[in-house]
Amino acid sequence: MPEAGKTFPKVIIFTTPTCTYCNAAKRYLRERGVPFKDVDVSRDAAAARDMVRRSGQSGVPVLDIGGKIVVGFDRPKIDQYLGLRK
């Protein structure tokens, strides 16, 4: 459920359209009212290189939450970086 009146750090999520965990992560963010920029690395080679540069990983999803990197759909780490209540 969304956290009313909460402001969040800038969130960028690097994804591909067929990635189940990417879709789950985006759904999770939407359900909590967290705005994010979705970057499809399957269509943008420069974005894919940027994702690897930031995370050291070529797999998706990769989330950049206010400059802190989360590799994979790691709910506890996402919640921690967003300051969400458990």
Protein backbone atom coordinates (compact mmCIF):
# COMPACT_ATOMS: atom_id res chain seq x y z
CA MET A 1 0.00 0.00 0.00
CA PRO A 2 1.30 3.50 -0.84
CA GLU A 3 2.86 5.59 1.89
CA ALA A 4 0.96 8.87 1.92
CA GLY A 5 2.98 12.05 1.61
CA LYS A 6 6.33 10.26 1.49
CA THR A 7 9.04 11.59 -0.80
CA PHE A 8 11.42 9.09 -2.30
CA PRO A 9 14.93 9.29 -3.73
CA LYS A 10 15.22 9.17 -7.52
CA VAL A 11 14.70 5.60 -8.74
CA ILE A 12 15.90 4.18 -12.06
CA ILE A 13 15.17 0.55 -12.86
CA PHE A 14 17.03 -1.19 -15.67
CA THR A 15 14.86 -3.92 -17.16
CA THR A 16 13.95 -6.04 -20.18
CA PRO A 17 10.35 -6.66 -21.28
CA THR A 18 10.50 -10.45 -20.77
CA CYS A 19 12.10 -10.42 -17.31
CA THR A 20 9.71 -11.77 -14.66
CA TYR A 21 11.67 -10.26 -11.77
CA CYS A 22 11.79 -6.88 -13.54
CA ASN A 23 8.01 -6.86 -13.88
CA ALA A 24 7.61 -7.93 -10.24
CA ALA A 25 9.95 -5.13 -9.09
CA LYS A 26 8.06 -2.51 -11.13
CA ARG A 27 4.74 -3.77 -9.75
CA TYR A 28 6.16 -3.62 -6.21
CA LEU A 29 7.27 0.00 -6.69
CA ARG A 30 3.91 1.01 -8.21
CA GLU A 31 1.98 -0.62 -5.34
CA ARG A 32 3.98 1.47 -2.88
CA GLY A 33 3.53 4.70 -4.83
CA VAL A 34 7.22 5.01 -5.71
CA PRO A 35 7.85 6.93 -8.95
CA PHE A 36 10.58 5.45 -11.13
CA LYS A 37 12.17 5.69 -14.55
CA ASP A 38 12.07 2.39 -16.45
CA VAL A 39 15.04 1.87 -18.78
CA ASP A 40 14.74 -1.03 -21.25
CA VAL A 41 18.32 -2.21 -21.78
CA SER A 42 17.27 -4.60 -24.55
CA ARG A 43 16.54 -1.59 -26.79
CA ASP A 44 19.26 0.78 -25.66
CA ALA A 45 22.90 -0.38 -25.84
CA ALA A 46 24.17 2.79 -24.16
CA ALA A 47 21.78 2.23 -21.24
CA ALA A 48 22.97 -1.37 -20.98
CA ARG A 49 26.58 -0.17 -20.76
CA ASP A 50 25.55 2.41 -18.15
CA MET A 51 23.83 -0.30 -16.10
CA VAL A 52 26.97 -2.49 -16.16
CA ARG A 53 29.13 0.53 -15.27
CA ARG A 54 26.92 1.35 -12.26
CA SER A 55 26.38 -2.20 -10.99
CA GLY A 56 29.11 -4.40 -12.40
CA GLN A 57 26.28 -6.71 -13.51
CA SER A 58 24.78 -7.50 -16.91
CA GLY A 59 21.66 -9.20 -15.51
CA VAL A 60 18.41 -7.41 -14.80
CA PRO A 61 16.72 -5.96 -12.87
CA VAL A 62 19.16 -3.41 -11.54
CA LEU A 63 17.72 -0.57 -9.46
CA ASP A 64 19.51 2.70 -8.80
CA ILE A 65 17.84 4.19 -5.72
CA GLY A 66 19.33 7.59 -5.03
CA GLY A 67 22.74 6.36 -6.19
CA LYS A 68 22.58 3.09 -4.24
CA ILE A 69 22.52 -0.02 -6.42
CA VAL A 70 20.29 -3.04 -5.90
CA VAL A 71 20.91 -6.04 -8.14
CA GLY A 72 17.87 -8.26 -8.54
CA PHE A 73 14.47 -7.96 -6.89
CA ASP A 74 15.78 -7.70 -3.31
CA ARG A 75 12.75 -6.40 -1.39
CA PRO A 76 14.51 -5.86 1.99
CA LYS A 77 17.27 -3.81 0.35
CA ILE A 78 14.77 -1.87 -1.80
CA ASP A 79 12.69 -1.08 1.29
CA GLN A 80 15.81 -0.03 3.21
CA TYR A 81 17.04 2.33 0.48
CA LEU A 82 13.56 3.81 0.00
CA GLY A 83 12.99 4.19 3.74
CA LEU A 84 9.82 2.09 3.60
CA ARG A 85 8.30 0.56 6.70
CA LYS A 86 8.30 -3.19 6.91
